[in-house]
Amino acid sequence: MTPTDPPPPERPSRMRWAWWLLAYASLGLGILGVLLPGLPTVPFILLSAYAAARGSKRLHDRLLAHRQFGPMIVHWRDHGAVARRSKWLAIGTMVLCVVVLVLTAPRPWMAAVGTGVMAIVGAWLWTRPEPPAQ
């Protein structure tokens, strides 16, 4: 049993309702992230899948079957992998956000902190393996 596997069905969790709530709340934030620049989508969808595995089998199955999110969730769950296209999109978005930060931040240190955080996240993201070829 891996850390991402749901608990055995014969032993329902006392915290099932909390996992259910977290799954739907993070899914909502992930959907908002598709529409709002600066709000990440992927981490919220992955969190939603993780929580749904513990709180809502129906939602978990729907996420895994989703045309866009399903493969991403499976690659992360099974390999800790991120597709190269996703890496490039994330890095490109972060670069765009850095430009906006530099141009609009009221204080230089604010832009520097935001840029530093994005640089660390980008470096970490780039070190993630890519999913195995199909």
N, C-alpha and C. Protein backbone atom coordinates (compact mmCIF):
# COMPACT_ATOMS: atom_id res chain seq x y z
N MET A 1 0.85 -1.18 0.00
CA MET A 1 0.00 0.00 0.00
C MET A 1 0.89 1.24 0.00
N THR A 2 0.69 2.13 -0.97
CA THR A 2 1.47 3.37 -1.06
C THR A 2 0.75 4.48 -0.30
N PRO A 3 1.46 5.57 -0.02
CA PRO A 3 0.83 6.67 0.75
C PRO A 3 -0.37 7.29 0.04
N THR A 4 -0.45 7.15 -1.29
CA THR A 4 -1.57 7.76 -2.01
C THR A 4 -2.78 6.85 -2.14
N ASP A 5 -2.66 5.60 -1.70
CA ASP A 5 -3.80 4.69 -1.77
C ASP A 5 -4.85 5.06 -0.75
N PRO A 6 -6.13 4.94 -1.12
CA PRO A 6 -7.18 5.23 -0.14
C PRO A 6 -7.21 4.16 0.95
N PRO A 7 -7.79 4.49 2.09
CA PRO A 7 -7.88 3.49 3.15
C PRO A 7 -8.77 2.33 2.72
N PRO A 8 -8.60 1.16 3.33
CA PRO A 8 -9.42 0.01 2.96
C PRO A 8 -10.91 0.30 3.15
N PRO A 9 -11.75 -0.19 2.23
CA PRO A 9 -13.17 0.13 2.31
C PRO A 9 -13.87 -0.43 3.53
N GLU A 10 -13.37 -1.51 4.11
CA GLU A 10 -14.05 -2.10 5.26
C GLU A 10 -13.85 -1.30 6.55
N ARG A 11 -13.02 -0.28 6.50
CA ARG A 11 -12.75 0.54 7.67
C ARG A 11 -12.97 2.01 7.34
N PRO A 12 -14.22 2.48 7.29
CA PRO A 12 -14.44 3.87 6.92
C PRO A 12 -13.80 4.83 7.92
N SER A 13 -13.27 5.90 7.39
CA SER A 13 -12.59 6.88 8.22
C SER A 13 -13.58 7.75 8.97
N ARG A 14 -13.23 8.08 10.20
CA ARG A 14 -14.05 9.02 10.97
C ARG A 14 -13.98 10.41 10.37
N MET A 15 -12.91 10.67 9.65
CA MET A 15 -12.69 11.99 9.06
C MET A 15 -13.13 12.06 7.59
N ARG A 16 -13.95 11.09 7.17
CA ARG A 16 -14.36 11.04 5.77
C ARG A 16 -14.99 12.35 5.32
N TRP A 17 -15.80 12.96 6.15
CA TRP A 17 -16.47 14.21 5.78
C TRP A 17 -15.45 15.33 5.56
N ALA A 18 -14.37 15.35 6.34
CA ALA A 18 -13.34 16.39 6.18
C ALA A 18 -12.59 16.18 4.86
N TRP A 19 -12.28 14.93 4.52
CA TRP A 19 -11.63 14.63 3.25
C TRP A 19 -12.56 15.03 2.10
N TRP A 20 -13.85 14.72 2.24
CA TRP A 20 -14.84 15.07 1.22
C TRP A 20 -14.87 16.59 1.01
N LEU A 21 -14.92 17.32 2.11
CA LEU A 21 -14.96 18.78 2.04
C LEU A 21 -13.69 19.33 1.39
N LEU A 22 -12.54 18.81 1.81
CA LEU A 22 -11.27 19.25 1.22
C LEU A 22 -11.23 18.94 -0.27
N ALA A 23 -11.72 17.76 -0.66
CA ALA A 23 -11.71 17.37 -2.07
C ALA A 23 -12.53 18.34 -2.92
N TYR A 24 -13.72 18.66 -2.48
CA TYR A 24 -14.58 19.55 -3.27
C TYR A 24 -14.10 21.00 -3.21
N ALA A 25 -13.59 21.44 -2.07
CA ALA A 25 -13.09 22.81 -1.97
C ALA A 25 -11.86 23.00 -2.87
N SER A 26 -10.94 22.04 -2.85
CA SER A 26 -9.75 22.17 -3.69
C SER A 26 -10.09 22.01 -5.17
N LEU A 27 -11.09 21.21 -5.49
CA LEU A 27 -11.54 21.11 -6.88
C LEU A 27 -12.10 22.46 -7.33
N GLY A 28 -12.89 23.09 -6.48
CA GLY A 28 -13.42 24.41 -6.81
C GLY A 28 -12.32 25.43 -7.04
N LEU A 29 -11.30 25.42 -6.17
CA LEU A 29 -10.17 26.34 -6.35
C LEU A 29 -9.39 26.02 -7.63
N GLY A 30 -9.27 24.73 -7.94
CA GLY A 30 -8.59 24.33 -9.17
C GLY A 30 -9.34 24.81 -10.40
N ILE A 31 -10.66 24.73 -10.37
CA ILE A 31 -11.46 25.22 -11.50
C ILE A 31 -11.34 26.73 -11.62
N LEU A 32 -11.34 27.42 -10.48
CA LEU A 32 -11.12 28.87 -10.51
C LEU A 32 -9.75 29.21 -11.09
N GLY A 33 -8.77 28.34 -10.80
CA GLY A 33 -7.41 28.56 -11.31
C GLY A 33 -7.33 28.51 -12.82
N VAL A 34 -8.27 27.81 -13.46
CA VAL A 34 -8.31 27.79 -14.92
C VAL A 34 -8.69 29.18 -15.44
N LEU A 35 -9.54 29.85 -14.70
CA LEU A 35 -10.07 31.15 -15.14
C LEU A 35 -9.25 32.35 -14.66
N LEU A 36 -8.64 32.23 -13.48
CA LEU A 36 -7.94 33.37 -12.87
C LEU A 36 -6.43 33.21 -12.99
N PRO A 37 -5.77 34.14 -13.65
CA PRO A 37 -4.31 34.05 -13.71
C PRO A 37 -3.70 34.24 -12.32
N GLY A 38 -2.68 33.51 -12.05
CA GLY A 38 -2.02 33.61 -10.75
C GLY A 38 -2.49 32.58 -9.75
N LEU A 39 -3.66 32.00 -9.96
CA LEU A 39 -4.15 30.95 -9.06
C LEU A 39 -3.84 29.61 -9.72
N PRO A 40 -3.00 28.79 -9.10
CA PRO A 40 -2.59 27.54 -9.75
C PRO A 40 -3.74 26.54 -9.84
N THR A 41 -3.76 25.79 -10.91
CA THR A 41 -4.79 24.77 -11.12
C THR A 41 -4.30 23.40 -10.67
N VAL A 42 -3.13 23.01 -11.17
CA VAL A 42 -2.64 21.64 -10.96
C VAL A 42 -2.52 21.25 -9.49
N PRO A 43 -1.90 22.06 -8.63
CA PRO A 43 -1.79 21.62 -7.23
C PRO A 43 -3.15 21.40 -6.57
N PHE A 44 -4.14 22.22 -6.92
CA PHE A 44 -5.45 22.05 -6.32
C PHE A 44 -6.15 20.80 -6.85
N ILE A 45 -5.96 20.48 -8.13
CA ILE A 45 -6.56 19.27 -8.69
C ILE A 45 -5.90 18.04 -8.08
N LEU A 46 -4.58 18.07 -7.92
CA LEU A 46 -3.89 16.94 -7.28
C LEU A 46 -4.33 16.77 -5.83
N LEU A 47 -4.47 17.88 -5.11
CA LEU A 47 -4.96 17.81 -3.73
C LEU A 47 -6.38 17.27 -3.70
N SER A 48 -7.21 17.68 -4.65
CA SER A 48 -8.57 17.19 -4.72
C SER A 48 -8.60 15.68 -4.93
N ALA A 49 -7.76 15.18 -5.83
CA ALA A 49 -7.71 13.74 -6.07
C ALA A 49 -7.23 12.99 -4.83
N TYR A 50 -6.23 13.54 -4.16
CA TYR A 50 -5.71 12.91 -2.94
C TYR A 50 -6.80 12.83 -1.87
N ALA A 51 -7.51 13.94 -1.66
CA ALA A 51 -8.56 13.97 -0.64
C ALA A 51 -9.76 13.13 -1.06
N ALA A 52 -10.09 13.14 -2.34
CA ALA A 52 -11.22 12.35 -2.82
C ALA A 52 -10.96 10.86 -2.65
N ALA A 53 -9.72 10.44 -2.77
CA ALA A 53 -9.39 9.02 -2.57
C ALA A 53 -9.73 8.58 -1.15
N ARG A 54 -9.79 9.52 -0.24
CA ARG A 54 -10.08 9.21 1.16
C ARG A 54 -11.51 9.58 1.58
N GLY A 55 -12.19 10.42 0.76
CA GLY A 55 -13.49 10.89 1.20
C GLY A 55 -14.63 10.73 0.23
N SER A 56 -14.34 10.54 -1.07
CA SER A 56 -15.41 10.44 -2.05
C SER A 56 -14.95 9.59 -3.22
N LYS A 57 -15.29 8.32 -3.17
CA LYS A 57 -14.91 7.41 -4.26
C LYS A 57 -15.48 7.88 -5.58
N ARG A 58 -16.70 8.41 -5.56
CA ARG A 58 -17.34 8.87 -6.79
C ARG A 58 -16.54 10.02 -7.43
N LEU A 59 -16.16 11.01 -6.63
CA LEU A 59 -15.36 12.12 -7.16
C LEU A 59 -13.99 11.63 -7.62
N HIS A 60 -13.38 10.75 -6.86
CA HIS A 60 -12.07 10.23 -7.22
C HIS A 60 -12.13 9.52 -8.58
N ASP A 61 -13.15 8.70 -8.77
CA ASP A 61 -13.30 7.99 -10.05
C ASP A 61 -13.54 8.97 -11.19
N ARG A 62 -14.32 10.02 -10.95
CA ARG A 62 -14.59 11.02 -11.98
C ARG A 62 -13.32 11.79 -12.34
N LEU A 63 -12.51 12.12 -11.34
CA LEU A 63 -11.26 12.83 -11.63
C LEU A 63 -10.31 11.96 -12.44
N LEU A 64 -10.21 10.68 -12.07
CA LEU A 64 -9.31 9.78 -12.81
C LEU A 64 -9.79 9.56 -14.24
N ALA A 65 -11.10 9.63 -14.47
CA ALA A 65 -11.65 9.41 -15.80
C ALA A 65 -11.67 10.69 -16.64
N HIS A 66 -11.36 11.82 -16.03
CA HIS A 66 -11.42 13.10 -16.75
C HIS A 66 -10.39 13.13 -17.87
N ARG A 67 -10.79 13.66 -19.00
CA ARG A 67 -9.92 13.69 -20.19
C ARG A 67 -8.64 14.47 -19.95
N GLN A 68 -8.71 15.61 -19.27
CA GLN A 68 -7.54 16.46 -19.04
C GLN A 68 -6.81 16.10 -17.75
N PHE A 69 -7.56 15.96 -16.67
CA PHE A 69 -6.95 15.80 -15.35
C PHE A 69 -6.53 14.36 -15.06
N GLY A 70 -7.25 13.39 -15.61
CA GLY A 70 -6.99 11.98 -15.30
C GLY A 70 -5.54 11.55 -15.51
N PRO A 71 -5.00 11.74 -16.73
CA PRO A 71 -3.61 11.32 -16.95
C PRO A 71 -2.62 12.04 -16.04
N MET A 72 -2.84 13.33 -15.80
CA MET A 72 -1.95 14.11 -14.93
C MET A 72 -1.95 13.53 -13.51
N ILE A 73 -3.13 13.20 -13.01
CA ILE A 73 -3.26 12.65 -11.66
C ILE A 73 -2.57 11.30 -11.57
N VAL A 74 -2.80 10.46 -12.57
CA VAL A 74 -2.19 9.11 -12.56
C VAL A 74 -0.67 9.21 -12.65
N HIS A 75 -0.15 10.10 -13.51
CA HIS A 75 1.31 10.26 -13.62
C HIS A 75 1.91 10.72 -12.30
N TRP A 76 1.25 11.66 -11.64
CA TRP A 76 1.77 12.15 -10.36
C TRP A 76 1.68 11.06 -9.30
N ARG A 77 0.53 10.38 -9.24
CA ARG A 77 0.33 9.36 -8.21
C ARG A 77 1.31 8.19 -8.38
N ASP A 78 1.49 7.75 -9.60
CA ASP A 78 2.31 6.55 -9.83
C ASP A 78 3.80 6.83 -9.93
N HIS A 79 4.18 8.00 -10.42
CA HIS A 79 5.60 8.26 -10.69
C HIS A 79 6.12 9.57 -10.12
N GLY A 80 5.25 10.40 -9.55
CA GLY A 80 5.67 11.74 -9.13
C GLY A 80 6.12 12.54 -10.33
N ALA A 81 5.50 12.27 -11.50
CA ALA A 81 5.95 12.82 -12.77
C ALA A 81 5.07 13.96 -13.25
N VAL A 82 5.70 14.87 -14.00
CA VAL A 82 5.01 16.00 -14.62
C VAL A 82 5.44 16.04 -16.08
N ALA A 83 4.46 16.14 -16.98
CA ALA A 83 4.75 16.17 -18.41
C ALA A 83 5.57 17.41 -18.77
N ARG A 84 6.43 17.26 -19.76
CA ARG A 84 7.29 18.37 -20.17
C ARG A 84 6.48 19.58 -20.61
N ARG A 85 5.38 19.35 -21.33
CA ARG A 85 4.53 20.47 -21.77
C ARG A 85 3.99 21.24 -20.55
N SER A 86 3.59 20.52 -19.53
CA SER A 86 3.09 21.16 -18.32
C SER A 86 4.18 21.97 -17.62
N LYS A 87 5.39 21.43 -17.63
CA LYS A 87 6.51 22.16 -17.03
C LYS A 87 6.74 23.47 -17.77
N TRP A 88 6.77 23.42 -19.10
CA TRP A 88 6.99 24.62 -19.89
C TRP A 88 5.87 25.64 -19.67
N LEU A 89 4.63 25.18 -19.63
CA LEU A 89 3.51 26.09 -19.38
C LEU A 89 3.63 26.75 -18.01
N ALA A 90 3.98 25.96 -17.01
CA ALA A 90 4.12 26.51 -15.65
C ALA A 90 5.26 27.52 -15.58
N ILE A 91 6.40 27.18 -16.15
CA ILE A 91 7.55 28.09 -16.14
C ILE A 91 7.23 29.37 -16.92
N GLY A 92 6.58 29.22 -18.07
CA GLY A 92 6.21 30.39 -18.86
C GLY A 92 5.26 31.31 -18.11
N THR A 93 4.30 30.72 -17.42
CA THR A 93 3.36 31.51 -16.63
C THR A 93 4.08 32.22 -15.49
N MET A 94 5.02 31.54 -14.86
CA MET A 94 5.78 32.17 -13.78
C MET A 94 6.62 33.33 -14.30
N VAL A 95 7.22 33.17 -15.47
CA VAL A 95 8.02 34.26 -16.05
C VAL A 95 7.11 35.46 -16.33
N LEU A 96 5.94 35.21 -16.88
CA LEU A 96 4.99 36.29 -17.12
C LEU A 96 4.60 36.99 -15.81
N CYS A 97 4.38 36.20 -14.76
CA CYS A 97 4.04 36.77 -13.45
C CYS A 97 5.20 37.59 -12.88
N VAL A 98 6.43 37.16 -13.11
CA VAL A 98 7.60 37.92 -12.65
C VAL A 98 7.64 39.27 -13.35
N VAL A 99 7.38 39.28 -14.65
CA VAL A 99 7.38 40.55 -15.39
C VAL A 99 6.32 41.48 -14.81
N VAL A 100 5.12 40.96 -14.58
CA VAL A 100 4.05 41.78 -14.01
C VAL A 100 4.45 42.27 -12.62
N LEU A 101 5.04 41.39 -11.81
CA LEU A 101 5.49 41.79 -10.47
C LEU A 101 6.51 42.91 -10.52
N VAL A 102 7.49 42.76 -11.37
CA VAL A 102 8.55 43.77 -11.46
C VAL A 102 7.97 45.12 -11.90
N LEU A 103 7.00 45.08 -12.79
CA LEU A 103 6.42 46.33 -13.30
C LEU A 103 5.42 46.97 -12.34
N THR A 104 4.83 46.19 -11.46
CA THR A 104 3.74 46.74 -10.63
C THR A 104 3.97 46.72 -9.13
N ALA A 105 4.99 46.04 -8.65
CA ALA A 105 5.21 45.95 -7.21
C ALA A 105 5.54 47.33 -6.63
N PRO A 106 4.89 47.72 -5.53
CA PRO A 106 5.16 49.02 -4.94
C PRO A 106 6.57 49.13 -4.33
N ARG A 107 7.12 48.01 -3.93
CA ARG A 107 8.47 47.99 -3.34
C ARG A 107 9.30 46.92 -4.05
N PRO A 108 10.56 47.21 -4.33
CA PRO A 108 11.41 46.21 -5.00
C PRO A 108 11.52 44.89 -4.25
N TRP A 109 11.52 44.92 -2.92
CA TRP A 109 11.67 43.69 -2.16
C TRP A 109 10.46 42.76 -2.37
N MET A 110 9.29 43.35 -2.63
CA MET A 110 8.11 42.52 -2.88
C MET A 110 8.28 41.72 -4.18
N ALA A 111 8.77 42.39 -5.21
CA ALA A 111 9.02 41.69 -6.47
C ALA A 111 10.12 40.65 -6.30
N ALA A 112 11.12 40.97 -5.49
CA ALA A 112 12.23 40.03 -5.27
C ALA A 112 11.75 38.79 -4.54
N VAL A 113 10.91 38.96 -3.53
CA VAL A 113 10.40 37.80 -2.78
C VAL A 113 9.55 36.92 -3.69
N GLY A 114 8.63 37.52 -4.43
CA GLY A 114 7.79 36.75 -5.35
C GLY A 114 8.61 36.04 -6.41
N THR A 115 9.59 36.74 -6.96
CA THR A 115 10.46 36.14 -7.96
C THR A 115 11.26 34.98 -7.37
N GLY A 116 11.76 35.15 -6.16
CA GLY A 116 12.52 34.07 -5.50
C GLY A 116 11.67 32.84 -5.25
N VAL A 117 10.45 33.04 -4.79
CA VAL A 117 9.55 31.90 -4.54
C VAL A 117 9.27 31.17 -5.85
N MET A 118 8.97 31.93 -6.89
CA MET A 118 8.69 31.28 -8.20
C MET A 118 9.93 30.58 -8.75
N ALA A 119 11.10 31.13 -8.52
CA ALA A 119 12.33 30.48 -8.98
C ALA A 119 12.53 29.14 -8.26
N ILE A 120 12.28 29.12 -6.97
CA ILE A 120 12.42 27.88 -6.21
C ILE A 120 11.40 26.84 -6.68
N VAL A 121 10.16 27.27 -6.84
CA VAL A 121 9.11 26.35 -7.30
C VAL A 121 9.43 25.86 -8.71
N GLY A 122 9.88 26.76 -9.58
CA GLY A 122 10.23 26.36 -10.94
C GLY A 122 11.38 25.36 -10.98
N ALA A 123 12.39 25.59 -10.15
CA ALA A 123 13.53 24.65 -10.09
C ALA A 123 13.07 23.29 -9.58
N TRP A 124 12.24 23.29 -8.55
CA TRP A 124 11.72 22.02 -8.03
C TRP A 124 10.90 21.31 -9.09
N LEU A 125 10.02 22.06 -9.78
CA LEU A 125 9.17 21.47 -10.80
C LEU A 125 10.00 20.85 -11.91
N TRP A 126 11.04 21.55 -12.32
CA TRP A 126 11.86 21.04 -13.42
C TRP A 126 12.60 19.75 -13.04
N THR A 127 12.83 19.53 -11.75
CA THR A 127 13.53 18.31 -11.33
C THR A 127 12.59 17.10 -11.25
N ARG A 128 11.30 17.31 -11.37
CA ARG A 128 10.35 16.18 -11.35
C ARG A 128 10.56 15.35 -12.60
N PRO A 129 10.47 14.03 -12.48
CA PRO A 129 10.64 13.19 -13.67
C PRO A 129 9.46 13.39 -14.64
N GLU A 130 9.69 12.97 -15.88
CA GLU A 130 8.63 13.01 -16.87
C GLU A 130 7.94 11.64 -16.90
N PRO A 131 6.65 11.61 -17.24
CA PRO A 131 5.95 10.32 -17.25
C PRO A 131 6.57 9.37 -18.28
N PRO A 132 6.50 8.08 -18.00
CA PRO A 132 7.05 7.12 -18.96
C PRO A 132 6.27 7.17 -20.27
N ALA A 133 6.95 6.86 -21.36
CA ALA A 133 6.31 6.85 -22.68
C ALA A 133 5.24 5.78 -22.71
N GLN A 134 4.15 6.09 -23.38
CA GLN A 134 3.03 5.14 -23.45
C GLN A 134 3.36 4.01 -24.41
